[in-house]
Amino acid sequence: MPYIFLDESGDLGFDFSKKKTSNNFVITFLFLKSKSSVENIVKKIFRTFSKNDIKRHSGVLHAYKEMPNTRIKLLSMLKEKDVSIISIYLNKRKVYTKLKNEKHVLYNYVANILLDRVYTRKLIPIDQPIHLIASRRETNKFLNQNFKHYLESQSDSKHNVRLIIEIKKPSEEKCLQVVDFVSWAIFRKKEHNEDTYYNIIKPRIVEESGLFP
């Protein structure tokens, strides 16, 4: 069964007077045929840590908090794996006013556009069930169910694809920790024009496009 791991970077706030409000929002898919090879990347990174480092991490790697050498090491190992990356970035300053007021609708809308491109370009086999595992961003069960139902029904009705969605914490799924690094690297290039980390994974990126450019 093909796997898609989903994560995002940036925020969906629209008050640009606040210093931490990002100009861009990025959603990234990481495609795998085998979870174990990517899970091993996380395990190898943890083997290089001291006991204090391991305790401080509580079993989870997060790109924003890691040292540069850890980021480079993880992304360099991922580049050598049989994976593909597709990403879509959102110019938040050009988002329609209606969507600004319905952030969960906007998120679902952008994620579905990305899925449409995956199916249309046949980036993964669609003649078998596809397992999508998303990093949990909502604590509201209704919004999570809405996200799952919307994407699963859209995939079925428009592409006749059986999409199975799970929403998990990075502590529950090591591959979510890896896609966090990928999404962060793409976001950093778009938001800060800094491509050191992006260039490492660039050979694995099959599509990167903007929405409301």
N, C-alpha and C. Protein backbone atom coordinates (compact mmCIF):
# COMPACT_ATOMS: atom_id res chain seq x y z
N MET A 1 0.84 -1.20 0.00
CA MET A 1 0.00 0.00 0.00
C MET A 1 0.88 1.25 0.00
N PRO A 2 0.67 2.16 -0.98
CA PRO A 2 1.45 3.40 -0.99
C PRO A 2 1.09 4.28 0.21
N TYR A 3 2.06 5.01 0.69
CA TYR A 3 1.85 5.90 1.82
C TYR A 3 2.10 7.35 1.41
N ILE A 4 1.26 8.25 1.92
CA ILE A 4 1.51 9.68 1.82
C ILE A 4 1.55 10.22 3.24
N PHE A 5 2.61 10.95 3.56
CA PHE A 5 2.69 11.62 4.86
C PHE A 5 2.56 13.12 4.62
N LEU A 6 1.70 13.75 5.41
CA LEU A 6 1.36 15.16 5.21
C LEU A 6 1.77 15.99 6.42
N ASP A 7 2.39 17.13 6.11
CA ASP A 7 2.67 18.10 7.16
C ASP A 7 2.62 19.49 6.54
N GLU A 8 2.56 20.51 7.40
CA GLU A 8 2.53 21.87 6.90
C GLU A 8 3.50 22.74 7.68
N SER A 9 3.83 23.87 7.09
CA SER A 9 4.70 24.85 7.75
C SER A 9 4.14 26.24 7.54
N GLY A 10 4.41 27.12 8.48
CA GLY A 10 3.80 28.43 8.48
C GLY A 10 2.53 28.38 9.30
N ASP A 11 1.72 29.41 9.19
CA ASP A 11 0.48 29.46 9.96
C ASP A 11 -0.63 29.98 9.07
N LEU A 12 -1.85 29.86 9.54
CA LEU A 12 -3.00 30.36 8.79
C LEU A 12 -3.59 31.61 9.44
N GLY A 13 -2.74 32.36 10.14
CA GLY A 13 -3.16 33.66 10.67
C GLY A 13 -3.09 34.71 9.57
N PHE A 14 -3.95 35.71 9.66
CA PHE A 14 -3.98 36.75 8.62
C PHE A 14 -3.81 38.16 9.20
N ASP A 15 -3.41 38.25 10.45
CA ASP A 15 -3.11 39.55 11.04
C ASP A 15 -1.61 39.82 10.85
N PHE A 16 -1.29 40.49 9.75
CA PHE A 16 0.11 40.68 9.39
C PHE A 16 0.81 41.75 10.22
N SER A 17 0.07 42.36 11.12
CA SER A 17 0.70 43.30 12.04
C SER A 17 1.45 42.55 13.15
N LYS A 18 1.13 41.28 13.30
CA LYS A 18 1.81 40.46 14.30
C LYS A 18 3.12 39.94 13.71
N LYS A 19 4.17 40.05 14.48
CA LYS A 19 5.51 39.72 14.00
C LYS A 19 5.64 38.26 13.55
N LYS A 20 4.96 37.35 14.24
CA LYS A 20 5.15 35.93 13.94
C LYS A 20 4.21 35.40 12.85
N THR A 21 3.34 36.24 12.32
CA THR A 21 2.45 35.80 11.25
C THR A 21 3.25 35.62 9.96
N SER A 22 3.17 34.44 9.36
CA SER A 22 3.94 34.17 8.15
C SER A 22 3.23 34.71 6.92
N ASN A 23 3.98 34.98 5.88
CA ASN A 23 3.41 35.42 4.60
C ASN A 23 2.96 34.24 3.76
N ASN A 24 3.52 33.08 4.04
CA ASN A 24 3.23 31.90 3.25
C ASN A 24 2.79 30.74 4.15
N PHE A 25 2.06 29.84 3.55
CA PHE A 25 1.66 28.61 4.21
C PHE A 25 1.95 27.47 3.25
N VAL A 26 2.62 26.43 3.75
CA VAL A 26 3.09 25.34 2.89
C VAL A 26 2.50 24.01 3.35
N ILE A 27 1.96 23.25 2.42
CA ILE A 27 1.54 21.87 2.69
C ILE A 27 2.42 20.96 1.84
N THR A 28 2.94 19.91 2.46
CA THR A 28 3.89 19.02 1.80
C THR A 28 3.44 17.57 1.94
N PHE A 29 3.56 16.83 0.84
CA PHE A 29 3.33 15.38 0.84
C PHE A 29 4.68 14.68 0.64
N LEU A 30 4.89 13.64 1.42
CA LEU A 30 6.05 12.76 1.24
C LEU A 30 5.52 11.38 0.89
N PHE A 31 5.91 10.86 -0.29
CA PHE A 31 5.43 9.56 -0.77
C PHE A 31 6.45 8.48 -0.46
N LEU A 32 5.96 7.36 0.09
CA LEU A 32 6.82 6.23 0.43
C LEU A 32 6.21 4.94 -0.08
N LYS A 33 7.08 4.02 -0.43
CA LYS A 33 6.63 2.65 -0.69
C LYS A 33 6.85 1.78 0.54
N SER A 34 7.83 2.17 1.34
CA SER A 34 8.15 1.42 2.56
C SER A 34 8.40 2.39 3.70
N LYS A 35 7.67 2.22 4.79
CA LYS A 35 7.86 3.11 5.93
C LYS A 35 9.16 2.83 6.66
N SER A 36 9.56 1.57 6.70
CA SER A 36 10.68 1.17 7.55
C SER A 36 11.98 1.91 7.21
N SER A 37 12.25 2.11 5.92
CA SER A 37 13.51 2.75 5.52
C SER A 37 13.57 4.20 6.01
N VAL A 38 12.43 4.88 6.03
CA VAL A 38 12.39 6.27 6.49
C VAL A 38 12.35 6.33 8.01
N GLU A 39 11.67 5.39 8.63
CA GLU A 39 11.67 5.32 10.09
C GLU A 39 13.09 5.13 10.62
N ASN A 40 13.90 4.38 9.87
CA ASN A 40 15.28 4.13 10.29
C ASN A 40 16.12 5.41 10.31
N ILE A 41 15.74 6.40 9.51
CA ILE A 41 16.46 7.67 9.52
C ILE A 41 16.34 8.31 10.90
N VAL A 42 15.15 8.32 11.44
CA VAL A 42 14.92 8.89 12.77
C VAL A 42 15.70 8.11 13.81
N LYS A 43 15.68 6.79 13.71
CA LYS A 43 16.40 5.95 14.67
C LYS A 43 17.91 6.23 14.62
N LYS A 44 18.44 6.40 13.42
CA LYS A 44 19.87 6.68 13.27
C LYS A 44 20.25 8.03 13.86
N ILE A 45 19.37 9.02 13.68
CA ILE A 45 19.64 10.34 14.26
C ILE A 45 19.70 10.24 15.78
N PHE A 46 18.77 9.52 16.37
CA PHE A 46 18.74 9.41 17.83
C PHE A 46 19.96 8.67 18.37
N ARG A 47 20.52 7.76 17.57
CA ARG A 47 21.72 7.03 18.01
C ARG A 47 22.93 7.96 18.15
N THR A 48 22.89 9.10 17.48
CA THR A 48 24.02 10.04 17.56
C THR A 48 23.89 11.00 18.74
N PHE A 49 22.76 10.98 19.43
CA PHE A 49 22.51 11.90 20.53
C PHE A 49 23.08 11.38 21.84
N SER A 50 23.42 12.30 22.71
CA SER A 50 23.80 11.95 24.07
C SER A 50 22.55 11.59 24.86
N LYS A 51 22.74 11.04 26.05
CA LYS A 51 21.59 10.68 26.88
C LYS A 51 20.75 11.90 27.22
N ASN A 52 21.41 13.02 27.47
CA ASN A 52 20.67 14.25 27.77
C ASN A 52 19.87 14.74 26.57
N ASP A 53 20.46 14.61 25.37
CA ASP A 53 19.74 15.00 24.15
C ASP A 53 18.51 14.14 23.95
N ILE A 54 18.66 12.85 24.16
CA ILE A 54 17.53 11.92 23.99
C ILE A 54 16.41 12.27 24.96
N LYS A 55 16.78 12.56 26.20
CA LYS A 55 15.78 12.91 27.21
C LYS A 55 15.07 14.20 26.84
N ARG A 56 15.83 15.17 26.34
CA ARG A 56 15.26 16.47 25.98
C ARG A 56 14.28 16.37 24.81
N HIS A 57 14.53 15.45 23.89
CA HIS A 57 13.69 15.31 22.70
C HIS A 57 12.37 14.57 22.97
N SER A 58 12.32 13.76 24.01
CA SER A 58 11.11 12.97 24.31
C SER A 58 10.64 12.15 23.12
N GLY A 59 11.61 11.63 22.37
CA GLY A 59 11.28 10.73 21.26
C GLY A 59 10.87 11.40 19.96
N VAL A 60 10.93 12.73 19.90
CA VAL A 60 10.45 13.44 18.71
C VAL A 60 11.49 14.44 18.20
N LEU A 61 11.74 14.39 16.89
CA LEU A 61 12.57 15.38 16.22
C LEU A 61 11.66 16.46 15.64
N HIS A 62 12.08 17.71 15.76
CA HIS A 62 11.31 18.81 15.18
C HIS A 62 12.30 19.74 14.49
N ALA A 63 12.10 19.94 13.19
CA ALA A 63 13.07 20.69 12.37
C ALA A 63 13.39 22.06 12.95
N TYR A 64 12.38 22.78 13.40
CA TYR A 64 12.58 24.15 13.87
C TYR A 64 13.53 24.21 15.07
N LYS A 65 13.51 23.16 15.90
CA LYS A 65 14.27 23.18 17.14
C LYS A 65 15.65 22.53 17.02
N GLU A 66 15.92 21.84 15.91
CA GLU A 66 17.16 21.07 15.81
C GLU A 66 18.36 21.94 15.41
N MET A 67 19.54 21.40 15.68
CA MET A 67 20.78 22.04 15.26
C MET A 67 20.96 21.85 13.75
N PRO A 68 21.66 22.77 13.08
CA PRO A 68 21.85 22.65 11.63
C PRO A 68 22.44 21.31 11.19
N ASN A 69 23.41 20.78 11.96
CA ASN A 69 24.02 19.52 11.53
C ASN A 69 23.02 18.36 11.57
N THR A 70 22.07 18.41 12.51
CA THR A 70 21.03 17.37 12.57
C THR A 70 20.10 17.48 11.37
N ARG A 71 19.71 18.70 11.03
CA ARG A 71 18.85 18.90 9.86
C ARG A 71 19.52 18.40 8.58
N ILE A 72 20.78 18.77 8.42
CA ILE A 72 21.52 18.38 7.21
C ILE A 72 21.67 16.86 7.14
N LYS A 73 21.97 16.25 8.27
CA LYS A 73 22.15 14.80 8.32
C LYS A 73 20.86 14.08 7.95
N LEU A 74 19.75 14.51 8.54
CA LEU A 74 18.48 13.84 8.26
C LEU A 74 18.06 14.01 6.80
N LEU A 75 18.13 15.21 6.28
CA LEU A 75 17.70 15.45 4.91
C LEU A 75 18.63 14.77 3.90
N SER A 76 19.90 14.68 4.23
CA SER A 76 20.85 13.99 3.34
C SER A 76 20.55 12.51 3.27
N MET A 77 20.19 11.91 4.40
CA MET A 77 19.81 10.50 4.40
C MET A 77 18.51 10.27 3.63
N LEU A 78 17.57 11.20 3.78
CA LEU A 78 16.30 11.06 3.07
C LEU A 78 16.50 11.14 1.57
N LYS A 79 17.40 11.99 1.13
CA LYS A 79 17.66 12.16 -0.30
C LYS A 79 18.06 10.85 -0.97
N GLU A 80 18.67 9.95 -0.20
CA GLU A 80 19.14 8.68 -0.75
C GLU A 80 18.05 7.60 -0.76
N LYS A 81 16.88 7.90 -0.23
CA LYS A 81 15.80 6.92 -0.17
C LYS A 81 14.89 7.02 -1.40
N ASP A 82 14.12 5.98 -1.61
CA ASP A 82 13.17 5.94 -2.73
C ASP A 82 11.89 6.65 -2.31
N VAL A 83 11.94 7.98 -2.31
CA VAL A 83 10.79 8.79 -1.90
C VAL A 83 10.57 9.89 -2.93
N SER A 84 9.37 10.47 -2.89
CA SER A 84 9.06 11.62 -3.74
C SER A 84 8.37 12.67 -2.88
N ILE A 85 8.52 13.91 -3.30
CA ILE A 85 7.97 15.05 -2.55
C ILE A 85 7.18 15.94 -3.49
N ILE A 86 6.01 16.36 -3.03
CA ILE A 86 5.23 17.35 -3.77
C ILE A 86 4.73 18.36 -2.76
N SER A 87 4.75 19.63 -3.15
CA SER A 87 4.40 20.67 -2.19
C SER A 87 3.61 21.79 -2.88
N ILE A 88 2.75 22.44 -2.09
CA ILE A 88 2.01 23.59 -2.59
C ILE A 88 2.15 24.70 -1.55
N TYR A 89 2.42 25.91 -2.02
CA TYR A 89 2.55 27.02 -1.08
C TYR A 89 1.48 28.07 -1.38
N LEU A 90 1.03 28.67 -0.31
CA LEU A 90 -0.08 29.61 -0.37
C LEU A 90 0.41 31.00 -0.02
N ASN A 91 0.22 31.95 -0.94
CA ASN A 91 0.51 33.36 -0.65
C ASN A 91 -0.68 33.91 0.13
N LYS A 92 -0.53 34.02 1.43
CA LYS A 92 -1.66 34.35 2.29
C LYS A 92 -2.21 35.76 2.06
N ARG A 93 -1.40 36.66 1.57
CA ARG A 93 -1.85 38.03 1.35
C ARG A 93 -2.84 38.13 0.18
N LYS A 94 -2.92 37.08 -0.62
CA LYS A 94 -3.82 37.10 -1.77
C LYS A 94 -5.01 36.16 -1.63
N VAL A 95 -5.18 35.62 -0.44
CA VAL A 95 -6.30 34.71 -0.20
C VAL A 95 -7.61 35.50 -0.17
N TYR A 96 -8.65 34.91 -0.75
CA TYR A 96 -9.95 35.56 -0.75
C TYR A 96 -10.44 35.78 0.68
N THR A 97 -11.11 36.89 0.90
CA THR A 97 -11.57 37.26 2.24
C THR A 97 -12.43 36.17 2.86
N LYS A 98 -13.31 35.56 2.09
CA LYS A 98 -14.20 34.52 2.60
C LYS A 98 -13.41 33.36 3.18
N LEU A 99 -12.35 32.95 2.49
CA LEU A 99 -11.53 31.83 2.95
C LEU A 99 -10.72 32.19 4.19
N LYS A 100 -10.37 33.46 4.33
CA LYS A 100 -9.63 33.89 5.52
C LYS A 100 -10.43 33.65 6.79
N ASN A 101 -11.73 33.73 6.67
CA ASN A 101 -12.60 33.56 7.84
C ASN A 101 -12.99 32.12 8.09
N GLU A 102 -12.59 31.22 7.21
CA GLU A 102 -12.90 29.79 7.35
C GLU A 102 -11.60 29.00 7.19
N LYS A 103 -10.76 29.07 8.21
CA LYS A 103 -9.42 28.52 8.08
C LYS A 103 -9.41 27.02 7.85
N HIS A 104 -10.31 26.28 8.51
CA HIS A 104 -10.33 24.83 8.31
C HIS A 104 -10.81 24.48 6.90
N VAL A 105 -11.71 25.32 6.35
CA VAL A 105 -12.15 25.11 4.97
C VAL A 105 -10.99 25.38 4.01
N LEU A 106 -10.25 26.44 4.27
CA LEU A 106 -9.09 26.77 3.44
C LEU A 106 -8.06 25.66 3.47
N TYR A 107 -7.79 25.12 4.66
CA TYR A 107 -6.81 24.04 4.79
C TYR A 107 -7.25 22.82 3.98
N ASN A 108 -8.51 22.43 4.12
CA ASN A 108 -9.03 21.27 3.38
C ASN A 108 -8.96 21.52 1.87
N TYR A 109 -9.28 22.73 1.47
CA TYR A 109 -9.27 23.12 0.05
C TYR A 109 -7.87 22.98 -0.54
N VAL A 110 -6.87 23.49 0.16
CA VAL A 110 -5.49 23.43 -0.34
C VAL A 110 -5.00 21.98 -0.37
N ALA A 111 -5.29 21.21 0.67
CA ALA A 111 -4.87 19.81 0.70
C ALA A 111 -5.50 19.02 -0.44
N ASN A 112 -6.75 19.32 -0.76
CA ASN A 112 -7.44 18.61 -1.84
C ASN A 112 -6.86 18.97 -3.21
N ILE A 113 -6.48 20.24 -3.38
CA ILE A 113 -5.83 20.63 -4.64
C ILE A 113 -4.54 19.83 -4.84
N LEU A 114 -3.80 19.67 -3.75
CA LEU A 114 -2.55 18.91 -3.84
C LEU A 114 -2.83 17.45 -4.19
N LEU A 115 -3.86 16.87 -3.59
CA LEU A 115 -4.23 15.50 -3.92
C LEU A 115 -4.66 15.37 -5.38
N ASP A 116 -5.41 16.34 -5.88
CA ASP A 116 -5.82 16.33 -7.28
C ASP A 116 -4.61 16.26 -8.20
N ARG A 117 -3.58 17.01 -7.87
CA ARG A 117 -2.38 17.03 -8.70
C ARG A 117 -1.65 15.68 -8.63
N VAL A 118 -1.69 15.08 -7.45
CA VAL A 118 -1.08 13.75 -7.30
C VAL A 118 -1.76 12.74 -8.21
N TYR A 119 -3.09 12.74 -8.21
CA TYR A 119 -3.84 11.78 -9.01
C TYR A 119 -3.72 12.07 -10.50
N THR A 120 -3.83 13.35 -10.86
CA THR A 120 -3.78 13.73 -12.27
C THR A 120 -2.43 13.40 -12.90
N ARG A 121 -1.37 13.62 -12.15
CA ARG A 121 -0.03 13.36 -12.66
C ARG A 121 0.40 11.91 -12.46
N LYS A 122 -0.46 11.13 -11.80
CA LYS A 122 -0.19 9.71 -11.54
C LYS A 122 1.15 9.53 -10.84
N LEU A 123 1.35 10.32 -9.80
CA LEU A 123 2.60 10.25 -9.06
C LEU A 123 2.72 8.98 -8.22
N ILE A 124 1.59 8.38 -7.90
CA ILE A 124 1.57 7.10 -7.20
C ILE A 124 0.48 6.24 -7.81
N PRO A 125 0.57 4.91 -7.66
CA PRO A 125 -0.47 4.04 -8.20
C PRO A 125 -1.82 4.36 -7.56
N ILE A 126 -2.85 4.49 -8.39
CA ILE A 126 -4.18 4.80 -7.85
C ILE A 126 -5.15 3.63 -8.05
N ASP A 127 -4.61 2.48 -8.43
CA ASP A 127 -5.46 1.30 -8.61
C ASP A 127 -5.50 0.44 -7.35
N GLN A 128 -5.00 0.99 -6.26
CA GLN A 128 -5.03 0.31 -4.97
C GLN A 128 -5.23 1.36 -3.88
N PRO A 129 -5.64 0.94 -2.69
CA PRO A 129 -5.87 1.92 -1.63
C PRO A 129 -4.60 2.72 -1.31
N ILE A 130 -4.79 3.99 -1.00
CA ILE A 130 -3.69 4.87 -0.63
C ILE A 130 -3.87 5.28 0.81
N HIS A 131 -2.82 5.16 1.58
CA HIS A 131 -2.87 5.47 3.00
C HIS A 131 -2.24 6.83 3.23
N LEU A 132 -3.03 7.81 3.66
CA LEU A 132 -2.52 9.15 3.96
C LEU A 132 -2.51 9.35 5.47
N ILE A 133 -1.34 9.69 5.99
CA ILE A 133 -1.20 9.94 7.42
C ILE A 133 -0.81 11.40 7.61
N ALA A 134 -1.68 12.14 8.27
CA ALA A 134 -1.48 13.57 8.46
C ALA A 134 -1.06 13.88 9.89
N SER A 135 -0.18 14.84 10.02
CA SER A 135 0.22 15.29 11.36
C SER A 135 -0.94 16.07 11.98
N ARG A 136 -1.26 15.72 13.20
CA ARG A 136 -2.43 16.33 13.84
C ARG A 136 -2.20 17.81 14.10
N ARG A 137 -3.08 18.65 13.59
CA ARG A 137 -3.00 20.09 13.80
C ARG A 137 -4.22 20.61 14.56
N GLU A 138 -5.26 19.79 14.64
CA GLU A 138 -6.48 20.19 15.33
C GLU A 138 -6.74 19.26 16.51
N THR A 139 -7.20 19.81 17.60
CA THR A 139 -7.63 18.98 18.73
C THR A 139 -9.13 18.75 18.68
N ASN A 140 -9.80 19.52 17.84
CA ASN A 140 -11.24 19.39 17.69
C ASN A 140 -11.57 18.16 16.84
N LYS A 141 -12.26 17.20 17.44
CA LYS A 141 -12.57 15.95 16.74
C LYS A 141 -13.46 16.17 15.52
N PHE A 142 -14.38 17.13 15.63
CA PHE A 142 -15.27 17.42 14.50
C PHE A 142 -14.48 17.90 13.29
N LEU A 143 -13.52 18.81 13.50
CA LEU A 143 -12.73 19.34 12.39
C LEU A 143 -11.85 18.25 11.77
N ASN A 144 -11.32 17.36 12.61
CA ASN A 144 -10.53 16.25 12.08
C ASN A 144 -11.39 15.31 11.24
N GLN A 145 -12.59 15.02 11.72
CA GLN A 145 -13.49 14.15 10.96
C GLN A 145 -13.91 14.82 9.67
N ASN A 146 -14.12 16.12 9.71
CA ASN A 146 -14.48 16.87 8.52
C ASN A 146 -13.38 16.80 7.48
N PHE A 147 -12.14 16.95 7.93
CA PHE A 147 -10.97 16.86 7.05
C PHE A 147 -10.91 15.49 6.38
N LYS A 148 -11.04 14.44 7.17
CA LYS A 148 -10.98 13.08 6.64
C LYS A 148 -12.11 12.82 5.65
N HIS A 149 -13.33 13.16 6.04
CA HIS A 149 -14.49 12.88 5.18
C HIS A 149 -14.38 13.63 3.87
N TYR A 150 -13.97 14.88 3.93
CA TYR A 150 -13.90 15.70 2.72
C TYR A 150 -12.89 15.13 1.72
N LEU A 151 -11.68 14.84 2.19
CA LEU A 151 -10.65 14.34 1.27
C LEU A 151 -10.97 12.93 0.77
N GLU A 152 -11.48 12.08 1.64
CA GLU A 152 -11.82 10.72 1.22
C GLU A 152 -12.96 10.72 0.20
N SER A 153 -13.98 11.53 0.42
CA SER A 153 -15.12 11.58 -0.50
C SER A 153 -14.73 12.22 -1.83
N GLN A 154 -13.89 13.26 -1.79
CA GLN A 154 -13.42 13.89 -3.02
C GLN A 154 -12.59 12.93 -3.86
N SER A 155 -11.73 12.15 -3.20
CA SER A 155 -10.89 11.18 -3.92
C SER A 155 -11.75 10.09 -4.56
N ASP A 156 -12.77 9.68 -3.86
CA ASP A 156 -13.65 8.63 -4.37
C ASP A 156 -14.50 9.13 -5.53
N SER A 157 -15.15 10.27 -5.36
CA SER A 157 -16.09 10.76 -6.37
C SER A 157 -15.41 11.30 -7.62
N LYS A 158 -14.27 11.95 -7.46
CA LYS A 158 -13.62 12.59 -8.61
C LYS A 158 -12.59 11.70 -9.30
N HIS A 159 -11.97 10.79 -8.53
CA HIS A 159 -10.88 9.99 -9.10
C HIS A 159 -11.04 8.49 -8.91
N ASN A 160 -12.12 8.09 -8.25
CA ASN A 160 -12.35 6.67 -7.96
C ASN A 160 -11.17 6.04 -7.23
N VAL A 161 -10.63 6.80 -6.30
CA VAL A 161 -9.49 6.35 -5.50
C VAL A 161 -9.95 6.12 -4.07
N ARG A 162 -9.55 4.98 -3.53
CA ARG A 162 -9.86 4.70 -2.13
C ARG A 162 -8.73 5.27 -1.27
N LEU A 163 -9.03 6.38 -0.63
CA LEU A 163 -8.06 7.05 0.24
C LEU A 163 -8.41 6.76 1.70
N ILE A 164 -7.42 6.29 2.44
CA ILE A 164 -7.61 5.98 3.86
C ILE A 164 -6.78 6.98 4.65
N ILE A 165 -7.43 7.77 5.48
CA ILE A 165 -6.74 8.84 6.20
C ILE A 165 -6.68 8.55 7.69
N GLU A 166 -5.50 8.74 8.24
CA GLU A 166 -5.30 8.71 9.68
C GLU A 166 -4.66 10.02 10.12
N ILE A 167 -5.03 10.49 11.28
CA ILE A 167 -4.43 11.70 11.85
C ILE A 167 -3.69 11.30 13.12
N LYS A 168 -2.38 11.53 13.13
CA LYS A 168 -1.55 11.06 14.24
C LYS A 168 -0.62 12.16 14.72
N LYS A 169 -0.08 11.95 15.91
CA LYS A 169 0.96 12.82 16.44
C LYS A 169 2.32 12.35 15.91
N PRO A 170 3.29 13.26 15.73
CA PRO A 170 4.63 12.84 15.33
C PRO A 170 5.26 11.83 16.28
N SER A 171 4.88 11.88 17.55
CA SER A 171 5.40 10.91 18.52
C SER A 171 4.89 9.51 18.23
N GLU A 172 3.78 9.41 17.50
CA GLU A 172 3.19 8.12 17.17
C GLU A 172 3.67 7.58 15.82
N GLU A 173 4.23 8.45 15.00
CA GLU A 173 4.59 8.06 13.64
C GLU A 173 5.88 8.76 13.23
N LYS A 174 6.97 8.01 13.18
CA LYS A 174 8.29 8.60 12.90
C LYS A 174 8.37 9.29 11.55
N CYS A 175 7.65 8.77 10.56
CA CYS A 175 7.71 9.39 9.23
C CYS A 175 7.14 10.80 9.23
N LEU A 176 6.25 11.10 10.16
CA LEU A 176 5.74 12.46 10.28
C LEU A 176 6.84 13.42 10.74
N GLN A 177 7.77 12.91 11.52
CA GLN A 177 8.89 13.73 11.95
C GLN A 177 9.78 14.08 10.75
N VAL A 178 9.90 13.15 9.82
CA VAL A 178 10.73 13.38 8.64
C VAL A 178 10.08 14.38 7.69
N VAL A 179 8.79 14.22 7.44
CA VAL A 179 8.12 15.17 6.54
C VAL A 179 8.06 16.56 7.15
N ASP A 180 8.13 16.66 8.47
CA ASP A 180 8.24 17.97 9.12
C ASP A 180 9.50 18.70 8.67
N PHE A 181 10.62 17.98 8.56
CA PHE A 181 11.88 18.57 8.10
C PHE A 181 11.77 19.02 6.64
N VAL A 182 11.11 18.19 5.85
CA VAL A 182 10.95 18.51 4.43
C VAL A 182 10.11 19.77 4.24
N SER A 183 8.97 19.81 4.93
CA SER A 183 8.08 20.97 4.80
C SER A 183 8.75 22.23 5.33
N TRP A 184 9.48 22.10 6.42
CA TRP A 184 10.19 23.24 7.00
C TRP A 184 11.24 23.78 6.02
N ALA A 185 11.96 22.88 5.35
CA ALA A 185 12.99 23.30 4.39
C ALA A 185 12.38 24.06 3.22
N ILE A 186 11.24 23.58 2.72
CA ILE A 186 10.56 24.26 1.61
C ILE A 186 10.02 25.61 2.07
N PHE A 187 9.43 25.63 3.26
CA PHE A 187 8.90 26.88 3.81
C PHE A 187 10.01 27.91 4.00
N ARG A 188 11.15 27.46 4.50
CA ARG A 188 12.27 28.38 4.75
C ARG A 188 12.75 29.03 3.45
N LYS A 189 12.75 28.26 2.38
CA LYS A 189 13.15 28.82 1.09
C LYS A 189 12.13 29.87 0.63
N LYS A 190 10.85 29.55 0.77
CA LYS A 190 9.82 30.46 0.28
C LYS A 190 9.68 31.70 1.17
N GLU A 191 9.70 31.50 2.48
CA GLU A 191 9.45 32.59 3.42
C GLU A 191 10.68 33.47 3.63
N HIS A 192 11.87 32.85 3.66
CA HIS A 192 13.09 33.58 4.02
C HIS A 192 14.14 33.62 2.91
N ASN A 193 13.81 33.01 1.76
CA ASN A 193 14.74 32.98 0.63
C ASN A 193 16.07 32.35 1.03
N GLU A 194 16.00 31.30 1.84
CA GLU A 194 17.19 30.58 2.32
C GLU A 194 17.05 29.13 1.89
N ASP A 195 17.93 28.67 0.99
CA ASP A 195 17.72 27.38 0.36
C ASP A 195 18.76 26.31 0.70
N THR A 196 19.50 26.50 1.78
CA THR A 196 20.53 25.52 2.16
C THR A 196 19.94 24.12 2.33
N TYR A 197 18.87 24.05 3.08
CA TYR A 197 18.25 22.74 3.37
C TYR A 197 17.40 22.27 2.19
N TYR A 198 16.75 23.20 1.54
CA TYR A 198 15.93 22.87 0.38
C TYR A 198 16.76 22.19 -0.71
N ASN A 199 17.97 22.71 -0.94
CA ASN A 199 18.80 22.17 -2.02
C ASN A 199 19.19 20.71 -1.78
N ILE A 200 19.22 20.29 -0.53
CA ILE A 200 19.56 18.89 -0.23
C ILE A 200 18.48 17.95 -0.78
N ILE A 201 17.22 18.33 -0.58
CA ILE A 201 16.12 17.44 -0.98
C ILE A 201 15.56 17.76 -2.37
N LYS A 202 16.10 18.80 -3.00
CA LYS A 202 15.58 19.22 -4.30
C LYS A 202 15.48 18.08 -5.32
N PRO A 203 16.45 17.15 -5.37
CA PRO A 203 16.34 16.06 -6.34
C PRO A 203 15.11 15.17 -6.14
N ARG A 204 14.54 15.19 -4.95
CA ARG A 204 13.38 14.35 -4.65
C ARG A 204 12.05 15.07 -4.83
N ILE A 205 12.09 16.36 -5.15
CA ILE A 205 10.87 17.13 -5.32
C ILE A 205 10.38 16.99 -6.77
N VAL A 206 9.19 16.43 -6.92
CA VAL A 206 8.65 16.21 -8.27
C VAL A 206 7.72 17.34 -8.71
N GLU A 207 7.19 18.07 -7.73
CA GLU A 207 6.38 19.23 -8.09
C GLU A 207 6.33 20.19 -6.90
N GLU A 208 6.41 21.48 -7.21
CA GLU A 208 6.32 22.52 -6.20
C GLU A 208 5.62 23.70 -6.87
N SER A 209 4.45 24.03 -6.39
CA SER A 209 3.69 25.07 -7.08
C SER A 209 2.99 25.97 -6.09
N GLY A 210 2.57 27.15 -6.58
CA GLY A 210 1.94 28.13 -5.72
C GLY A 210 0.45 28.22 -5.95
N LEU A 211 -0.26 28.66 -4.93
CA LEU A 211 -1.68 28.94 -5.01
C LEU A 211 -1.86 30.40 -4.62
N PHE A 212 -2.62 31.15 -5.41
CA PHE A 212 -2.72 32.60 -5.23
C PHE A 212 -1.32 33.23 -5.26
N PRO A 213 -0.51 32.97 -6.32
CA PRO A 213 0.88 33.46 -6.35
C PRO A 213 0.94 34.99 -6.46
